[in-house]
C-alpha atoms as a PDB file:
ATOM      1  CA  MET A   1      17.590 -26.064  61.367  1.00  0.00           C
ATOM      2  CA  SER A   2      17.773 -24.566  57.950  1.00  0.00           C
ATOM      3  CA  GLN A   3      16.078 -21.405  56.735  1.00  0.00           C
ATOM      4  CA  ASN A   4      14.672 -20.801  53.258  1.00  0.00           C
ATOM      5  CA  ASN A   5      16.375 -18.024  51.416  1.00  0.00           C
ATOM      6  CA  ASN A   6      13.581 -16.203  49.575  1.00  0.00           C
ATOM      7  CA  SER A   7      16.090 -13.980  47.834  1.00  0.00           C
ATOM      8  CA  ASP A   8      17.050 -16.903  45.614  1.00  0.00           C
ATOM      9  CA  THR A   9      13.484 -17.399  44.352  1.00  0.00           C
ATOM     10  CA  ALA A  10      13.200 -16.806  40.600  1.00  0.00           C
ATOM     11  CA  PHE A  11      10.089 -14.910  39.598  1.00  0.00           C
ATOM     12  CA  LYS A  12       8.772 -15.295  36.065  1.00  0.00           C
ATOM     13  CA  THR A  13       6.356 -12.370  36.216  1.00  0.00           C
ATOM     14  CA  VAL A  14       7.117  -8.987  37.684  1.00  0.00           C
ATOM     15  CA  VAL A  15       4.286  -6.518  38.288  1.00  0.00           C
ATOM     16  CA  SER A  16       5.337  -2.894  38.436  1.00  0.00           C
ATOM     17  CA  ALA A  17       3.768   0.533  38.112  1.00  0.00           C
ATOM     18  CA  ASP A  18       6.405   1.912  35.801  1.00  0.00           C
ATOM     19  CA  LYS A  19       5.255   2.709  32.252  1.00  0.00           C
ATOM     20  CA  LYS A  20       8.225   3.481  30.098  1.00  0.00           C
ATOM     21  CA  ILE A  21       7.484   5.406  26.934  1.00  0.00           C
ATOM     22  CA  PHE A  22       9.180   2.884  24.670  1.00  0.00           C
ATOM     23  CA  ASP A  23       8.127  -0.216  26.607  1.00  0.00           C
ATOM     24  CA  LEU A  24       5.866  -1.682  23.886  1.00  0.00           C
ATOM     25  CA  LYS A  25       6.031  -5.261  25.240  1.00  0.00           C
ATOM     26  CA  LEU A  26       6.104  -6.796  21.782  1.00  0.00           C
ATOM     27  CA  LYS A  27       7.965  -9.868  23.043  1.00  0.00           C
ATOM     28  CA  GLU A  28       5.254 -10.455  25.606  1.00  0.00           C
ATOM     29  CA  THR A  29       2.618 -10.207  22.871  1.00  0.00           C
ATOM     30  CA  LEU A  30       4.298 -13.018  20.937  1.00  0.00           C
ATOM     31  CA  LYS A  31       3.828 -15.298  23.950  1.00  0.00           C
ATOM     32  CA  TYR A  32       0.073 -14.820  23.561  1.00  0.00           C
ATOM     33  CA  LYS A  33      -0.023 -15.939  19.940  1.00  0.00           C
ATOM     34  CA  ASP A  34      -2.515 -18.698  20.786  1.00  0.00           C
ATOM     35  CA  MET A  35      -4.889 -16.121  22.261  1.00  0.00           C
ATOM     36  CA  ILE A  36      -4.488 -13.955  19.167  1.00  0.00           C
ATOM     37  CA  LEU A  37      -5.471 -16.916  16.991  1.00  0.00           C
ATOM     38  CA  LEU A  38      -8.531 -17.450  19.180  1.00  0.00           C
ATOM     39  CA  PHE A  39      -9.479 -13.799  18.733  1.00  0.00           C
ATOM     40  CA  VAL A  40      -9.009 -14.153  14.972  1.00  0.00           C
ATOM     41  CA  LYS A  41     -11.280 -17.197  14.845  1.00  0.00           C
ATOM     42  CA  ARG A  42     -13.874 -15.545  17.059  1.00  0.00           C
ATOM     43  CA  GLU A  43     -14.023 -12.344  14.994  1.00  0.00           C
ATOM     44  CA  PHE A  44     -14.181 -14.152  11.658  1.00  0.00           C
ATOM     45  CA  VAL A  45     -16.897 -16.548  12.847  1.00  0.00           C
ATOM     46  CA  ALA A  46     -18.906 -13.776  14.534  1.00  0.00           C
ATOM     47  CA  LYS A  47     -18.792 -11.650  11.387  1.00  0.00           C
ATOM     48  CA  TYR A  48     -20.702 -14.220   9.330  1.00  0.00           C
ATOM     49  CA  LYS A  49     -22.634 -15.912  12.136  1.00  0.00           C
ATOM     50  CA  GLN A  50     -26.370 -16.423  11.486  1.00  0.00           C
ATOM     51  CA  THR A  51     -25.986 -15.438   7.822  1.00  0.00           C
ATOM     52  CA  ILE A  52     -27.258 -17.645   5.024  1.00  0.00           C
ATOM     53  CA  LEU A  53     -24.366 -17.047   2.637  1.00  0.00           C
ATOM     54  CA  GLY A  54     -21.629 -16.846   5.276  1.00  0.00           C
ATOM     55  CA  PRO A  55     -18.130 -16.027   3.906  1.00  0.00           C
ATOM     56  CA  LEU A  56     -19.641 -15.595   0.436  1.00  0.00           C
ATOM     57  CA  TRP A  57     -20.481 -12.061   1.568  1.00  0.00           C
ATOM     58  CA  ALA A  58     -16.756 -11.361   1.303  1.00  0.00           C
ATOM     59  CA  ILE A  59     -17.193 -11.877  -2.453  1.00  0.00           C
ATOM     60  CA  ILE A  60     -20.680 -10.435  -2.935  1.00  0.00           C
ATOM     61  CA  GLN A  61     -20.008  -7.035  -1.376  1.00  0.00           C
ATOM     62  CA  PRO A  62     -16.906  -6.038  -3.424  1.00  0.00           C
ATOM     63  CA  LEU A  63     -18.408  -7.659  -6.526  1.00  0.00           C
ATOM     64  CA  PHE A  64     -21.553  -5.524  -6.414  1.00  0.00           C
ATOM     65  CA  THR A  65     -19.512  -2.448  -5.507  1.00  0.00           C
ATOM     66  CA  THR A  66     -17.342  -3.056  -8.556  1.00  0.00           C
ATOM     67  CA  VAL A  67     -20.439  -3.386 -10.766  1.00  0.00           C
ATOM     68  CA  VAL A  68     -21.792  -0.051  -9.456  1.00  0.00           C
ATOM     69  CA  TYR A  69     -18.440   1.680  -9.990  1.00  0.00           C
ATOM     70  CA  THR A  70     -18.207   0.286 -13.518  1.00  0.00           C
ATOM     71  CA  ILE A  71     -21.675   1.556 -14.426  1.00  0.00           C
ATOM     72  CA  ILE A  72     -21.569   4.956 -12.704  1.00  0.00           C
ATOM     73  CA  PHE A  73     -17.927   6.022 -12.893  1.00  0.00           C
ATOM     74  CA  GLY A  74     -16.844   4.013 -15.917  1.00  0.00           C
ATOM     75  CA  THR A  75     -19.881   4.123 -18.224  1.00  0.00           C
ATOM     76  CA  LEU A  76     -21.917   7.172 -17.183  1.00  0.00           C
ATOM     77  CA  ALA A  77     -19.219   9.553 -15.849  1.00  0.00           C
ATOM     78  CA  GLN A  78     -16.538   8.039 -18.133  1.00  0.00           C
ATOM     79  CA  LEU A  79     -13.741   8.755 -15.670  1.00  0.00           C
ATOM     80  CA  THR A  80     -10.295   7.671 -16.778  1.00  0.00           C
ATOM     81  CA  THR A  81      -8.911   4.414 -15.413  1.00  0.00           C
ATOM     82  CA  ALA A  82      -5.342   5.187 -16.474  1.00  0.00           C
ATOM     83  CA  ASP A  83      -2.749   5.958 -13.825  1.00  0.00           C
ATOM     84  CA  ALA A  84      -0.055   6.828 -16.371  1.00  0.00           C
ATOM     85  CA  ILE A  85       0.747   6.742 -20.076  1.00  0.00           C
ATOM     86  CA  PRO A  86       1.124   4.187 -21.513  1.00  0.00           C
ATOM     87  CA  ALA A  87      -1.754   2.570 -19.644  1.00  0.00           C
ATOM     88  CA  PRO A  88      -1.913  -1.215 -19.222  1.00  0.00           C
ATOM     89  CA  LYS A  89      -4.437  -3.237 -21.185  1.00  0.00           C
ATOM     90  CA  VAL A  90      -6.966  -3.740 -18.398  1.00  0.00           C
ATOM     91  CA  PRO A  91     -10.785  -3.951 -18.543  1.00  0.00           C
ATOM     92  CA  THR A  92     -12.592  -1.256 -16.572  1.00  0.00           C
ATOM     93  CA  PHE A  93     -14.273  -3.876 -14.390  1.00  0.00           C
ATOM     94  CA  LEU A  94     -10.915  -5.374 -13.374  1.00  0.00           C
ATOM     95  CA  PHE A  95      -9.480  -1.931 -12.635  1.00  0.00           C
ATOM     96  CA  TYR A  96     -12.314  -1.066 -10.269  1.00  0.00           C
ATOM     97  CA  MET A  97     -12.149  -4.456  -8.585  1.00  0.00           C
ATOM     98  CA  SER A  98      -8.464  -4.005  -7.742  1.00  0.00           C
ATOM     99  CA  GLY A  99      -9.109  -0.690  -6.004  1.00  0.00           C
ATOM    100  CA  THR A 100     -12.313  -1.880  -4.343  1.00  0.00           C
ATOM    101  CA  ILE A 101     -10.835  -4.916  -2.566  1.00  0.00           C
ATOM    102  CA  LEU A 102      -7.838  -2.920  -1.322  1.00  0.00           C
ATOM    103  CA  TRP A 103      -9.938  -0.055   0.000  1.00  0.00           C
ATOM    104  CA  SER A 104     -12.448  -2.498   1.470  1.00  0.00           C
ATOM    105  CA  TYR A 105      -9.696  -4.154   3.505  1.00  0.00           C
ATOM    106  CA  PHE A 106      -8.178  -0.858   4.636  1.00  0.00           C
ATOM    107  CA  SER A 107     -11.477   0.738   5.674  1.00  0.00           C
ATOM    108  CA  SER A 108     -12.825  -2.392   7.369  1.00  0.00           C
ATOM    109  CA  VAL A 109      -9.687  -2.781   9.512  1.00  0.00           C
ATOM    110  CA  VAL A 110      -9.710   0.906  10.494  1.00  0.00           C
ATOM    111  CA  SER A 111     -13.414   0.770  11.353  1.00  0.00           C
ATOM    112  CA  ALA A 112     -13.230  -2.508  13.282  1.00  0.00           C
ATOM    113  CA  THR A 113     -10.019  -1.638  15.139  1.00  0.00           C
ATOM    114  CA  SER A 114     -11.360   1.763  16.172  1.00  0.00           C
ATOM    115  CA  HIS A 115     -14.133  -0.010  18.137  1.00  0.00           C
ATOM    116  CA  THR A 116     -12.192  -3.028  19.325  1.00  0.00           C
ATOM    117  CA  PHE A 117     -11.526  -1.829  22.878  1.00  0.00           C
ATOM    118  CA  LEU A 118     -15.072  -0.643  23.488  1.00  0.00           C
ATOM    119  CA  SER A 119     -16.554  -3.858  22.131  1.00  0.00           C
ATOM    120  CA  ASN A 120     -14.179  -6.004  24.205  1.00  0.00           C
ATOM    121  CA  ALA A 121     -14.428  -4.038  27.450  1.00  0.00           C
ATOM    122  CA  HIS A 122     -16.079  -6.995  29.201  1.00  0.00           C
ATOM    123  CA  ILE A 123     -13.013  -9.155  28.521  1.00  0.00           C
ATOM    124  CA  MET A 124     -10.468  -6.555  29.576  1.00  0.00           C
ATOM    125  CA  GLY A 125     -11.874  -6.374  33.102  1.00  0.00           C
ATOM    126  CA  LYS A 126     -11.705 -10.114  33.721  1.00  0.00           C
ATOM    127  CA  VAL A 127      -8.330 -11.402  32.567  1.00  0.00           C
ATOM    128  CA  TYR A 128      -4.922  -9.976  31.780  1.00  0.00           C
ATOM    129  CA  PHE A 129      -3.423 -10.199  28.310  1.00  0.00           C
ATOM    130  CA  PRO A 130      -1.566  -7.692  26.111  1.00  0.00           C
ATOM    131  CA  ARG A 131      -4.315  -5.377  24.884  1.00  0.00           C
ATOM    132  CA  ILE A 132      -2.464  -4.899  21.606  1.00  0.00           C
ATOM    133  CA  ALA A 133      -3.453  -8.474  20.775  1.00  0.00           C
ATOM    134  CA  MET A 134      -6.987  -7.342  19.951  1.00  0.00           C
ATOM    135  CA  PRO A 135      -6.183  -4.935  17.076  1.00  0.00           C
ATOM    136  CA  ILE A 136      -3.638  -7.415  15.730  1.00  0.00           C
ATOM    137  CA  ALA A 137      -6.298 -10.125  15.681  1.00  0.00           C
ATOM    138  CA  THR A 138      -8.715  -7.736  13.965  1.00  0.00           C
ATOM    139  CA  ALA A 139      -6.258  -7.019  11.138  1.00  0.00           C
ATOM    140  CA  ILE A 140      -5.560 -10.732  10.641  1.00  0.00           C
ATOM    141  CA  SER A 141      -9.232 -11.747  10.694  1.00  0.00           C
ATOM    142  CA  HIS A 142     -10.071  -9.193   8.002  1.00  0.00           C
ATOM    143  CA  LEU A 143      -7.048 -10.421   6.071  1.00  0.00           C
ATOM    144  CA  ILE A 144      -8.859 -13.756   5.673  1.00  0.00           C
ATOM    145  CA  SER A 145     -11.792 -12.004   3.976  1.00  0.00           C
ATOM    146  CA  PHE A 146      -9.331 -10.068   1.838  1.00  0.00           C
ATOM    147  CA  ALA A 147      -7.653 -13.334   0.786  1.00  0.00           C
ATOM    148  CA  ILE A 148     -11.036 -14.599  -0.429  1.00  0.00           C
ATOM    149  CA  GLN A 149     -11.515 -11.379  -2.401  1.00  0.00           C
ATOM    150  CA  LEU A 150      -7.995 -11.660  -3.806  1.00  0.00           C
ATOM    151  CA  VAL A 151      -8.821 -15.136  -5.134  1.00  0.00           C
ATOM    152  CA  MET A 152     -11.945 -13.675  -6.773  1.00  0.00           C
ATOM    153  CA  PHE A 153      -9.788 -10.962  -8.336  1.00  0.00           C
ATOM    154  CA  ALA A 154      -7.268 -13.535  -9.610  1.00  0.00           C
ATOM    155  CA  VAL A 155     -10.017 -15.673 -11.167  1.00  0.00           C
ATOM    156  CA  THR A 156     -11.519 -12.604 -12.863  1.00  0.00           C
ATOM    157  CA  TYR A 157      -8.076 -11.616 -14.125  1.00  0.00           C
ATOM    158  CA  ILE A 158      -7.491 -15.097 -15.576  1.00  0.00           C
ATOM    159  CA  VAL A 159     -10.859 -15.007 -17.357  1.00  0.00           C
ATOM    160  CA  CYS A 160      -9.980 -11.616 -18.863  1.00  0.00           C
ATOM    161  CA  ILE A 161      -6.622 -12.966 -20.044  1.00  0.00           C
ATOM    162  CA  ILE A 162      -8.289 -15.986 -21.652  1.00  0.00           C
ATOM    163  CA  ASN A 163     -10.821 -13.884 -23.573  1.00  0.00           C
ATOM    164  CA  GLY A 164      -8.077 -11.457 -24.661  1.00  0.00           C
ATOM    165  CA  SER A 165      -9.315  -8.347 -22.832  1.00  0.00           C
ATOM    166  CA  ALA A 166      -6.305  -8.254 -20.504  1.00  0.00           C
ATOM    167  CA  GLU A 167      -2.623  -9.111 -20.534  1.00  0.00           C
ATOM    168  CA  PHE A 168      -0.323 -10.404 -17.816  1.00  0.00           C
ATOM    169  CA  VAL A 169       3.387  -9.642 -17.641  1.00  0.00           C
ATOM    170  CA  PHE A 170       5.506 -11.605 -15.186  1.00  0.00           C
ATOM    171  CA  SER A 171       8.204  -9.268 -13.870  1.00  0.00           C
ATOM    172  CA  TYR A 172       9.928  -7.994 -10.734  1.00  0.00           C
ATOM    173  CA  GLN A 173       7.056  -5.535 -10.310  1.00  0.00           C
ATOM    174  CA  LEU A 174       4.953  -8.283  -8.733  1.00  0.00           C
ATOM    175  CA  ILE A 175       6.898  -7.741  -5.505  1.00  0.00           C
ATOM    176  CA  PHE A 176       4.830  -4.598  -4.967  1.00  0.00           C
ATOM    177  CA  VAL A 177       1.649  -6.667  -4.596  1.00  0.00           C
ATOM    178  CA  PRO A 178       2.475  -8.243  -1.181  1.00  0.00           C
ATOM    179  CA  LEU A 179       4.307  -5.093  -0.097  1.00  0.00           C
ATOM    180  CA  SER A 180       1.236  -2.959  -0.789  1.00  0.00           C
ATOM    181  CA  ILE A 181      -0.982  -5.337   1.169  1.00  0.00           C
ATOM    182  CA  LEU A 182       1.476  -5.312   4.083  1.00  0.00           C
ATOM    183  CA  GLN A 183       1.595  -1.517   4.031  1.00  0.00           C
ATOM    184  CA  LEU A 184      -2.198  -1.221   4.142  1.00  0.00           C
ATOM    185  CA  MET A 185      -2.318  -3.737   6.983  1.00  0.00           C
ATOM    186  CA  ILE A 186       0.184  -1.772   9.081  1.00  0.00           C
ATOM    187  CA  LEU A 187      -1.341   1.601   8.198  1.00  0.00           C
ATOM    188  CA  SER A 188      -4.936   0.616   8.921  1.00  0.00           C
ATOM    189  CA  THR A 189      -3.977  -1.047  12.201  1.00  0.00           C
ATOM    190  CA  GLY A 190      -1.963   2.001  13.280  1.00  0.00           C
ATOM    191  CA  ILE A 191      -4.789   4.409  12.492  1.00  0.00           C
ATOM    192  CA  GLY A 192      -7.301   2.128  14.172  1.00  0.00           C
ATOM    193  CA  ILE A 193      -5.158   1.892  17.318  1.00  0.00           C
ATOM    194  CA  ILE A 194      -4.888   5.688  17.531  1.00  0.00           C
ATOM    195  CA  ILE A 195      -8.655   6.101  17.176  1.00  0.00           C
ATOM    196  CA  SER A 196      -9.451   3.261  19.592  1.00  0.00           C
ATOM    197  CA  ALA A 197      -7.073   4.670  22.189  1.00  0.00           C
ATOM    198  CA  LEU A 198      -8.631   8.122  21.941  1.00  0.00           C
ATOM    199  CA  THR A 199     -12.235   6.900  21.893  1.00  0.00           C
ATOM    200  CA  THR A 200     -11.807   5.422  25.360  1.00  0.00           C
ATOM    201  CA  LYS A 201     -12.072   9.045  26.557  1.00  0.00           C
ATOM    202  CA  TYR A 202     -13.588  10.870  23.584  1.00  0.00           C
ATOM    203  CA  ARG A 203     -16.494   8.815  22.256  1.00  0.00           C
ATOM    204  CA  ASP A 204     -17.272  11.426  19.568  1.00  0.00           C
ATOM    205  CA  LEU A 205     -14.406  10.093  17.462  1.00  0.00           C
ATOM    206  CA  SER A 206     -16.183   6.773  16.963  1.00  0.00           C
ATOM    207  CA  MET A 207     -19.028   8.674  15.292  1.00  0.00           C
ATOM    208  CA  LEU A 208     -16.656  10.267  12.795  1.00  0.00           C
ATOM    209  CA  VAL A 209     -14.888   7.110  11.627  1.00  0.00           C
ATOM    210  CA  GLY A 210     -17.387   6.072   8.945  1.00  0.00           C
ATOM    211  CA  PHE A 211     -17.836   9.656   7.735  1.00  0.00           C
ATOM    212  CA  GLY A 212     -14.090  10.237   7.615  1.00  0.00           C
ATOM    213  CA  LEU A 213     -13.450   7.020   5.680  1.00  0.00           C
ATOM    214  CA  ASN A 214     -16.067   7.982   3.078  1.00  0.00           C
ATOM    215  CA  LEU A 215     -14.336  11.315   2.512  1.00  0.00           C
ATOM    216  CA  TRP A 216     -10.924   9.642   2.473  1.00  0.00           C
ATOM    217  CA  GLN A 217     -12.044   7.285  -0.281  1.00  0.00           C
ATOM    218  CA  TYR A 218     -12.748  10.202  -2.621  1.00  0.00           C
ATOM    219  CA  ALA A 219      -9.157  11.387  -2.071  1.00  0.00           C
ATOM    220  CA  THR A 220      -7.832   7.950  -3.060  1.00  0.00           C
ATOM    221  CA  PRO A 221      -7.655   6.554  -6.644  1.00  0.00           C
ATOM    222  CA  VAL A 222     -10.211   3.802  -6.115  1.00  0.00           C
ATOM    223  CA  ALA A 223     -12.907   4.819  -8.609  1.00  0.00           C
ATOM    224  CA  TYR A 224     -10.642   6.666 -11.047  1.00  0.00           C
ATOM    225  CA  GLY A 225      -7.126   6.683 -12.422  1.00  0.00           C
ATOM    226  CA  LEU A 226      -4.355   9.041 -11.334  1.00  0.00           C
ATOM    227  CA  LEU A 227      -4.438  10.856 -14.690  1.00  0.00           C
ATOM    228  CA  LEU A 228      -7.674  12.482 -13.543  1.00  0.00           C
ATOM    229  CA  ILE A 229      -5.622  14.551 -11.078  1.00  0.00           C
ATOM    230  CA  PRO A 230      -4.007  17.707 -12.540  1.00  0.00           C
ATOM    231  CA  ALA A 231      -0.236  17.364 -12.771  1.00  0.00           C
ATOM    232  CA  GLU A 232       0.400  20.246 -10.341  1.00  0.00           C
ATOM    233  CA  TYR A 233      -1.556  18.460  -7.606  1.00  0.00           C
ATOM    234  CA  VAL A 234      -0.114  14.972  -8.025  1.00  0.00           C
ATOM    235  CA  GLY A 235       2.615  15.588  -5.433  1.00  0.00           C
ATOM    236  CA  ALA A 236       0.165  16.712  -2.747  1.00  0.00           C
ATOM    237  CA  TYR A 237      -2.206  13.922  -3.752  1.00  0.00           C
ATOM    238  CA  ASN A 238       0.502  11.321  -3.118  1.00  0.00           C
ATOM    239  CA  LEU A 239       0.875  12.520   0.464  1.00  0.00           C
ATOM    240  CA  ASN A 240      -2.133  10.355   1.178  1.00  0.00           C
ATOM    241  CA  PRO A 241      -0.333   7.129   2.245  1.00  0.00           C
ATOM    242  CA  VAL A 242      -3.103   4.927   0.815  1.00  0.00           C
ATOM    243  CA  THR A 243      -2.565   6.381  -2.666  1.00  0.00           C
ATOM    244  CA  PRO A 244       0.951   4.989  -3.335  1.00  0.00           C
ATOM    245  CA  ALA A 245      -0.114   1.648  -1.843  1.00  0.00           C
ATOM    246  CA  ILE A 246      -2.999   1.239  -4.293  1.00  0.00           C
ATOM    247  CA  LEU A 247      -1.014   2.652  -7.225  1.00  0.00           C
ATOM    248  CA  SER A 248       1.922   0.318  -6.575  1.00  0.00           C
ATOM    249  CA  PHE A 249      -0.461  -2.645  -6.254  1.00  0.00           C
ATOM    250  CA  ARG A 250      -1.941  -1.914  -9.692  1.00  0.00           C
ATOM    251  CA  TYR A 251       1.534  -1.235 -11.050  1.00  0.00           C
ATOM    252  CA  GLY A 252       2.674  -4.632  -9.835  1.00  0.00           C
ATOM    253  CA  VAL A 253      -0.310  -6.765 -10.792  1.00  0.00           C
ATOM    254  CA  PHE A 254      -0.992  -5.130 -14.182  1.00  0.00           C
ATOM    255  CA  GLY A 255       2.672  -4.701 -15.138  1.00  0.00           C
ATOM    256  CA  ALA A 256       2.315  -1.008 -16.012  1.00  0.00           C
ATOM    257  CA  GLY A 257       0.958   2.210 -14.577  1.00  0.00           C
ATOM    258  CA  TYR A 258       2.235   4.867 -12.200  1.00  0.00           C
ATOM    259  CA  PHE A 259       5.156   4.365  -9.859  1.00  0.00           C
ATOM    260  CA  ASP A 260       7.314   7.041  -8.261  1.00  0.00           C
ATOM    261  CA  LEU A 261       9.961   5.749  -5.858  1.00  0.00           C
ATOM    262  CA  LYS A 262      10.102   8.872  -3.697  1.00  0.00           C
ATOM    263  CA  TYR A 263       6.346   8.924  -3.090  1.00  0.00           C
ATOM    264  CA  TYR A 264       6.327   5.172  -2.548  1.00  0.00           C
ATOM    265  CA  LEU A 265       9.037   5.427   0.119  1.00  0.00           C
ATOM    266  CA  LEU A 266       7.319   8.466   1.621  1.00  0.00           C
ATOM    267  CA  GLY A 267       4.135   6.415   1.915  1.00  0.00           C
ATOM    268  CA  TRP A 268       6.045   3.767   3.844  1.00  0.00           C
ATOM    269  CA  VAL A 269       7.604   6.400   6.113  1.00  0.00           C
ATOM    270  CA  VAL A 270       4.185   7.881   6.914  1.00  0.00           C
ATOM    271  CA  THR A 271       2.806   4.384   7.495  1.00  0.00           C
ATOM    272  CA  LEU A 272       5.559   3.413   9.933  1.00  0.00           C
ATOM    273  CA  VAL A 273       5.353   6.754  11.753  1.00  0.00           C
ATOM    274  CA  ILE A 274       1.578   6.375  12.206  1.00  0.00           C
ATOM    275  CA  ALA A 275       2.005   2.795  13.433  1.00  0.00           C
ATOM    276  CA  PHE A 276       4.744   3.832  15.867  1.00  0.00           C
ATOM    277  CA  LEU A 277       2.738   6.784  17.193  1.00  0.00           C
ATOM    278  CA  GLY A 278      -0.252   4.492  17.603  1.00  0.00           C
ATOM    279  CA  LEU A 279       1.787   2.055  19.694  1.00  0.00           C
ATOM    280  CA  LEU A 280       3.197   4.881  21.822  1.00  0.00           C
ATOM    281  CA  LEU A 281      -0.228   6.392  22.426  1.00  0.00           C
ATOM    282  CA  PHE A 282      -1.684   2.995  23.191  1.00  0.00           C
ATOM    283  CA  ASN A 283       1.140   2.173  25.594  1.00  0.00           C
ATOM    284  CA  ARG A 284       0.668   5.465  27.420  1.00  0.00           C
ATOM    285  CA  ILE A 285      -3.054   5.154  28.167  1.00  0.00           C
ATOM    286  CA  GLU A 286      -3.249   1.354  28.409  1.00  0.00           C
ATOM    287  CA  LYS A 287      -3.141   1.429  32.214  1.00  0.00           C
ATOM    288  CA  ASN A 288      -6.336   3.495  32.320  1.00  0.00           C
ATOM    289  CA  PHE A 289      -8.385   1.377  29.890  1.00  0.00           C
ATOM    290  CA  ALA A 290     -10.243  -0.446  32.659  1.00  0.00           C
ATOM    291  CA  ASP A 291     -11.363   2.877  34.180  1.00  0.00           C
ATOM    292  CA  THR A 292     -12.385   4.609  30.956  1.00  0.00           C
ATOM    293  CA  VAL A 293     -14.025   1.980  28.740  1.00  0.00           C
END
């Protein structure tokens, strides 16, 4: 009579109570890529569900914002749109559109990610999956809307080139365009994760997100050029990690403008630190999500 040796059984999943500080479970998250894609589809569809124009709102909103900026800041206030001298040959409307679509993506990801755990609390209590999948899906779903806006920007740029109001220079500087987008994606997700993790206990933070983003926008060169800032404050101004991202995007797509390598690298350092701290904070309080949300 033979006996089964249970010690030889291979277990694929191990459940333990240990929560290591640096156990971010990123490999496990990759196994749930199909679920992330489902979250992306759900969020994108839900955003424009029961709307007449649907995804066209991704174009209408930044387009009208750009028109308002052009009239108020460009025509009435006559704020400079130059980041450096010499300034690129760029129409005011195109300048404002570049900053508007970037800030729109950043702020929308921060805002949506900061509420993602509260809005998905009903799912978290029913099935297990890496909770980090939700903010990742949020950033990707908003990236689809940003891609639509980027196409609108490219079409507007081409029209300006055809009518002679703008110039395009193909150079190595174009590499800063995807890098700037990637930086804003990581930064906004990191900030959103930190806020979402804290709002599971302190709901007051969710009330401050919109207000804080509005103030943050004024400290970012979205509606004006960097030359508006006095030279003695430019260094402190560049400590805002969104600033070098937007400046390097304009520097890359317009072929001229402001670019300082040390502030650009510092922006990336701040971005990665915020993202890392967000993951650590999230990993630490993840086990209590079901009890606090």
